[in-house]
């Protein structure tokens, strides 16, 4: 207590000056309309700025939850879109097969690590077997483009064989004429791949859309892969460059495709092989 008294005594002149300054300022604001208005306007601006900053900070910390909610909502919309597409494909049937309509479902996953600068690239998801993920499932980006296929799973994580992997090929079709081929990446540019094995008698053009063929079971028919960027005819074959829809350098969330009828297909194929 004595130290406190000594402090006030030592700085008594400064303290008195500050008290008088505050009192004078209060008197000016209190009894002058213009100064009072200016003071309260400035106070409102300062208060507004503080509240805005506080709101921005709160919003920043809620972004993760917002992003997760948006990703889940997009998953539901994508599933509805796929079901509508299946209904359209089955529209010519007298009795639509409901199992076909609901054949595909989607699981939202976050990309926790990713590589694009190697010859054999993978990325890792924060979902695993506990979330229904299994090896072989197709993966698409939030832009709707093919991203890869699940390679290995643990309980809570999965690794995905990226399109940007020289060991990965994707069955593809050119939508104009339903021309068959394969998508292959041979290194280099992460937004560009090649369409191979296209028969020479087919007419294809720059700008044509490349989609999944649906034959592998990893992906339904019609998932976009990219568009033809350039075509070079060397006399023996086409050399076709494809601009990929998926931007592998900016992936945050993806959708893992669950083909509910894939097990039935695999069992039948294995049975057919044994009967040969």
Protein backbone atom coordinates (compact mmCIF):
# COMPACT_ATOMS: atom_id res chain seq x y z
CA UNK A 1 0.00 0.00 0.00
CA UNK A 2 2.84 2.34 0.83
CA UNK A 3 4.38 1.71 -2.59
CA UNK A 4 1.08 2.68 -4.20
CA UNK A 5 0.99 5.96 -2.27
CA UNK A 6 4.59 6.64 -3.25
CA UNK A 7 3.71 6.03 -6.91
CA UNK A 8 0.79 8.49 -6.82
CA UNK A 9 2.89 11.05 -4.96
CA UNK A 10 5.77 10.78 -7.39
CA UNK A 11 3.52 11.24 -10.45
CA UNK A 12 0.95 13.52 -8.81
CA UNK A 13 1.43 16.32 -11.35
CA UNK A 14 1.01 14.01 -14.34
CA UNK A 15 -2.01 12.30 -12.81
CA UNK A 16 -3.65 15.65 -12.03
CA UNK A 17 -2.97 16.83 -15.58
CA UNK A 18 -4.55 13.69 -17.08
CA UNK A 19 -7.61 13.96 -14.82
CA UNK A 20 -8.13 17.61 -15.81
CA UNK A 21 -7.66 16.76 -19.50
CA UNK A 22 -10.29 14.03 -19.30
CA UNK A 23 -12.65 16.33 -17.39
CA UNK A 24 -12.20 19.13 -19.93
CA UNK A 25 -12.76 16.73 -22.79
CA UNK A 26 -15.96 15.51 -21.14
CA UNK A 27 -17.15 19.12 -20.67
CA UNK A 28 -16.49 19.95 -24.33
CA UNK A 29 -18.39 16.89 -25.54
CA UNK A 30 -21.17 17.27 -23.00
CA UNK A 31 -22.04 20.92 -23.65
CA UNK A 32 -21.24 21.35 -27.37
CA UNK A 33 -23.52 19.83 -29.99
CA UNK A 34 -20.98 19.58 -32.81
CA UNK A 35 -18.22 18.02 -30.67
CA UNK A 36 -20.74 15.66 -29.07
CA UNK A 37 -21.98 14.47 -32.47
CA UNK A 38 -18.43 14.00 -33.79
CA UNK A 39 -17.37 12.07 -30.70
CA UNK A 40 -20.27 9.64 -30.79
CA UNK A 41 -19.93 9.14 -34.56
CA UNK A 42 -16.26 8.28 -34.08
CA UNK A 43 -17.18 5.96 -31.21
CA UNK A 44 -19.71 4.18 -33.42
CA UNK A 45 -17.12 3.77 -36.18
CA UNK A 46 -14.60 2.34 -33.70
CA UNK A 47 -17.20 0.05 -32.12
CA UNK A 48 -18.33 -1.10 -35.55
CA UNK A 49 -14.76 -1.87 -36.59
CA UNK A 50 -14.16 -3.86 -33.39
CA UNK A 51 -17.39 -5.81 -33.83
CA UNK A 52 -16.60 -6.46 -37.52
CA UNK A 53 -13.15 -7.76 -36.58
CA UNK A 54 -14.69 -9.97 -33.92
CA UNK A 55 -17.23 -11.30 -36.44
CA UNK A 56 -14.47 -12.00 -38.99
CA UNK A 57 -12.44 -13.91 -36.40
CA UNK A 58 -15.48 -15.99 -35.40
CA UNK A 59 -16.27 -16.67 -39.07
CA UNK A 60 -12.68 -17.77 -39.73
CA UNK A 61 -12.85 -20.38 -36.97
CA UNK A 62 -16.22 -21.59 -38.30
CA UNK A 63 -14.92 -22.02 -41.87
CA UNK A 64 -14.02 -25.66 -41.35
CA UNK A 65 -17.54 -26.47 -40.21
CA UNK A 66 -19.02 -24.41 -43.07
CA UNK A 67 -16.84 -26.19 -45.63
CA UNK A 68 -17.82 -29.60 -44.26
CA UNK A 69 -21.51 -28.68 -44.41
CA UNK A 70 -21.16 -27.45 -48.00
CA UNK A 71 -19.31 -30.60 -49.02
CA UNK A 72 -22.01 -32.82 -47.49
CA UNK A 73 -24.72 -30.80 -49.23
CA UNK A 74 -22.89 -31.10 -52.56
CA UNK A 75 -22.66 -34.86 -52.00
CA UNK A 76 -26.43 -35.10 -51.61
CA UNK A 77 -26.97 -32.99 -54.73
CA UNK A 78 -24.48 -35.07 -56.72
CA UNK A 79 -26.24 -38.26 -55.64
CA UNK A 80 -29.60 -36.86 -56.75
CA UNK A 81 -28.07 -35.80 -60.07
CA UNK A 82 -26.65 -39.29 -60.60
CA UNK A 83 -30.01 -40.87 -59.82
CA UNK A 84 -31.69 -38.55 -62.32
CA UNK A 85 -29.09 -39.53 -64.91
CA UNK A 86 -29.73 -43.23 -64.25
CA UNK A 87 -33.48 -42.69 -64.63
CA UNK A 88 -32.87 -41.03 -67.99
CA UNK A 89 -30.74 -43.96 -69.16
CA UNK A 90 -33.48 -46.39 -68.12
CA UNK A 91 -36.35 -44.30 -69.50
CA UNK A 92 -36.88 -46.63 -72.45
CA UNK A 93 -37.52 -49.60 -70.19
CA UNK A 94 -41.17 -50.41 -69.47
CA UNK A 95 -40.35 -51.13 -65.82
CA UNK A 96 -37.35 -49.19 -64.53
CA UNK A 97 -34.91 -51.17 -62.40
CA UNK A 98 -34.78 -49.23 -59.11
CA UNK A 99 -31.56 -51.00 -58.15
CA UNK A 100 -29.94 -49.33 -61.16
CA UNK A 101 -31.32 -45.93 -60.20
CA UNK A 102 -29.80 -46.14 -56.72
CA UNK A 103 -26.72 -48.04 -57.86
CA UNK A 104 -24.23 -45.34 -56.89
CA UNK A 105 -23.79 -43.45 -53.64
CA UNK A 106 -21.16 -40.93 -52.59
CA UNK A 107 -18.98 -40.36 -49.53
CA UNK A 108 -17.44 -36.93 -48.91
CA UNK A 109 -13.76 -36.97 -47.95
CA UNK A 110 -11.11 -34.34 -47.32
CA UNK A 111 -7.72 -34.49 -49.05
CA UNK A 112 -5.11 -34.44 -46.27
CA UNK A 113 -2.01 -34.90 -48.45
CA UNK A 114 -1.36 -34.82 -52.17
CA UNK A 115 1.50 -35.02 -54.68
CA UNK A 116 1.58 -33.84 -58.30
CA UNK A 117 5.29 -33.56 -59.09
CA UNK A 118 6.22 -37.26 -59.27
CA UNK A 119 5.74 -39.89 -61.95
CA UNK A 120 3.57 -42.01 -59.63
CA UNK A 121 1.35 -39.65 -57.63
CA UNK A 122 -1.06 -40.46 -54.81
CA UNK A 123 -3.27 -38.47 -52.47
CA UNK A 124 -4.62 -39.36 -49.02
CA UNK A 125 -8.18 -38.98 -47.72
CA UNK A 126 -9.44 -38.64 -44.15
CA UNK A 127 -11.97 -41.46 -44.60
CA UNK A 128 -11.37 -45.23 -44.43
CA UNK A 129 -13.07 -48.57 -43.98
CA UNK A 130 -15.12 -47.30 -41.03
CA UNK A 131 -16.73 -44.85 -43.45
CA UNK A 132 -17.46 -47.53 -46.06
CA UNK A 133 -14.41 -46.84 -48.26
CA UNK A 134 -12.91 -49.86 -50.05
CA UNK A 135 -10.03 -50.37 -52.51
CA UNK A 136 -11.08 -49.90 -56.13
CA UNK A 137 -13.69 -47.21 -55.53
CA UNK A 138 -13.65 -44.29 -57.93
CA UNK A 139 -12.91 -40.75 -56.71
CA UNK A 140 -14.09 -37.50 -58.31
CA UNK A 141 -13.26 -33.89 -57.48
CA UNK A 142 -15.77 -31.27 -56.40
CA UNK A 143 -15.66 -29.93 -59.98
CA UNK A 144 -17.05 -33.29 -61.06
CA UNK A 145 -13.89 -34.49 -62.80
CA UNK A 146 -12.32 -37.92 -62.30
CA UNK A 147 -9.50 -37.80 -59.74
CA UNK A 148 -8.43 -41.44 -59.27
CA UNK A 149 -9.15 -44.80 -57.65
CA UNK A 150 -8.80 -45.91 -54.05
CA UNK A 151 -5.69 -48.05 -53.66
CA UNK A 152 -5.38 -48.90 -49.94
CA UNK A 153 -7.46 -48.28 -46.82
CA UNK A 154 -7.01 -48.22 -43.06
CA UNK A 155 -9.80 -47.67 -40.55
CA UNK A 156 -9.67 -43.87 -40.87
CA UNK A 157 -7.63 -43.10 -43.99
CA UNK A 158 -7.37 -44.08 -47.66
CA UNK A 159 -4.71 -43.61 -50.32
CA UNK A 160 -5.87 -42.89 -53.85
CA UNK A 161 -4.07 -43.74 -57.08
CA UNK A 162 -4.25 -40.39 -58.86
CA UNK A 163 -4.85 -39.96 -62.59
CA UNK A 164 -1.40 -38.34 -62.38
CA UNK A 165 0.17 -41.76 -62.02
CA UNK A 166 1.92 -43.66 -64.82
CA UNK A 167 0.48 -46.94 -63.46
CA UNK A 168 -3.13 -45.77 -63.73
CA UNK A 169 -5.34 -45.93 -66.83
CA UNK A 170 -8.99 -44.88 -67.01
CA UNK A 171 -11.51 -46.34 -69.48
CA UNK A 172 -12.86 -43.40 -71.45
CA UNK A 173 -15.21 -42.37 -74.22
CA UNK A 174 -15.33 -39.37 -76.53
CA UNK A 175 -18.94 -38.20 -76.27
CA UNK A 176 -19.08 -37.35 -79.98
CA UNK A 177 -19.61 -40.77 -81.55
CA UNK A 178 -19.07 -42.65 -78.25
CA UNK A 179 -15.49 -43.39 -79.33
CA UNK A 180 -13.59 -45.68 -76.93
CA UNK A 181 -10.09 -45.09 -75.55
CA UNK A 182 -7.98 -44.89 -72.40
CA UNK A 183 -6.72 -41.94 -70.40
CA UNK A 184 -3.04 -42.19 -69.45
CA UNK A 185 -0.61 -39.77 -67.79
CA UNK A 186 3.08 -39.94 -68.65
CA UNK A 187 4.44 -37.26 -66.33
CA UNK A 188 5.00 -33.54 -66.67
CA UNK A 189 2.02 -31.19 -66.79
CA UNK A 190 -0.45 -31.93 -63.90
CA UNK A 191 -3.44 -30.57 -65.85
CA UNK A 192 -2.84 -32.58 -69.01
CA UNK A 193 -3.05 -36.29 -69.93
CA UNK A 194 -3.26 -38.38 -73.10
CA UNK A 195 -6.11 -40.26 -74.75
CA UNK A 196 -4.70 -43.46 -76.24
CA UNK A 197 -5.90 -46.48 -78.22
CA UNK A 198 -8.35 -44.52 -80.39
CA UNK A 199 -8.98 -46.24 -83.71
CA UNK A 200 -7.88 -44.22 -86.74
CA UNK A 201 -11.18 -44.50 -88.62
CA UNK A 202 -12.97 -42.39 -85.97
CA UNK A 203 -13.44 -38.66 -86.44
CA UNK A 204 -12.56 -36.67 -83.34
CA UNK A 205 -12.02 -32.95 -82.88
CA UNK A 206 -10.39 -30.46 -80.54
CA UNK A 207 -12.82 -29.46 -77.80
CA UNK A 208 -14.57 -32.85 -77.72
CA UNK A 209 -15.54 -33.98 -74.23
CA UNK A 210 -13.97 -37.08 -72.66
CA UNK A 211 -16.01 -39.01 -70.07
CA UNK A 212 -15.83 -42.33 -68.24
CA UNK A 213 -17.12 -45.35 -70.15
CA UNK A 214 -18.72 -47.04 -67.12
CA UNK A 215 -17.23 -50.41 -68.10
CA UNK A 216 -14.83 -50.76 -65.17
CA UNK A 217 -17.43 -50.34 -62.41
CA UNK A 218 -15.29 -47.76 -60.59
CA UNK A 219 -17.21 -44.92 -62.19
CA UNK A 220 -20.69 -44.61 -63.69
CA UNK A 221 -20.92 -43.75 -67.35
CA UNK A 222 -20.52 -40.08 -68.23
CA UNK A 223 -18.30 -38.67 -65.44
CA UNK A 224 -16.25 -35.96 -67.11
CA UNK A 225 -12.49 -36.46 -67.42
CA UNK A 226 -11.55 -33.53 -69.62
CA UNK A 227 -11.62 -32.07 -73.12
CA UNK A 228 -9.41 -32.70 -76.15
CA UNK A 229 -6.72 -30.01 -76.31
CA UNK A 230 -4.84 -31.11 -79.41
CA UNK A 231 -4.74 -33.92 -81.99
CA UNK A 232 -1.71 -34.96 -84.00
CA UNK A 233 -2.01 -37.66 -86.65
CA UNK A 234 1.43 -39.24 -87.21
CA UNK A 235 0.12 -41.58 -89.90
CA UNK A 236 -0.03 -44.62 -87.63
CA UNK A 237 -2.04 -43.35 -84.68
CA UNK A 238 -3.52 -40.29 -83.05
CA UNK A 239 -1.50 -38.41 -80.43
CA UNK A 240 -4.23 -36.77 -78.38
CA UNK A 241 -3.65 -34.33 -75.52
CA UNK A 242 -6.48 -33.94 -73.00
CA UNK A 243 -6.97 -31.00 -70.66
CA UNK A 244 -8.11 -32.53 -67.35
CA UNK A 245 -11.16 -31.14 -65.57
CA UNK A 246 -9.73 -31.82 -62.12
CA UNK A 247 -7.16 -29.34 -60.83
CA UNK A 248 -4.93 -31.64 -58.79
CA UNK A 249 -2.97 -28.69 -57.38
CA UNK A 250 -6.04 -27.30 -55.61
CA UNK A 251 -8.05 -30.24 -54.25
CA UNK A 252 -9.66 -29.85 -50.82
CA UNK A 253 -12.66 -32.19 -50.85
CA UNK A 254 -13.53 -35.14 -53.10
CA UNK A 255 -16.36 -37.64 -53.51
CA UNK A 256 -15.73 -41.37 -53.26
CA UNK A 257 -18.12 -43.42 -55.40
CA UNK A 258 -19.69 -46.57 -53.98
CA UNK A 259 -21.03 -48.88 -56.71
CA UNK A 260 -23.49 -51.03 -54.79
CA UNK A 261 -23.65 -53.59 -57.62
CA UNK A 262 -19.90 -53.99 -58.12
CA UNK A 263 -19.72 -57.06 -55.84
CA UNK A 264 -22.40 -58.84 -57.89
CA UNK A 265 -20.53 -58.05 -61.11
CA UNK A 266 -17.18 -59.28 -59.74
CA UNK A 267 -18.71 -62.51 -58.42
CA UNK A 268 -20.27 -63.27 -61.80
CA UNK A 269 -17.04 -62.55 -63.67
CA UNK A 270 -15.02 -64.76 -61.30
CA UNK A 271 -17.56 -67.54 -61.76
CA UNK A 272 -17.31 -67.20 -65.55
CA UNK A 273 -13.51 -67.44 -65.42
CA UNK A 274 -13.66 -70.61 -63.32
CA UNK A 275 -16.05 -72.22 -65.79
CA UNK A 276 -13.68 -71.76 -68.73
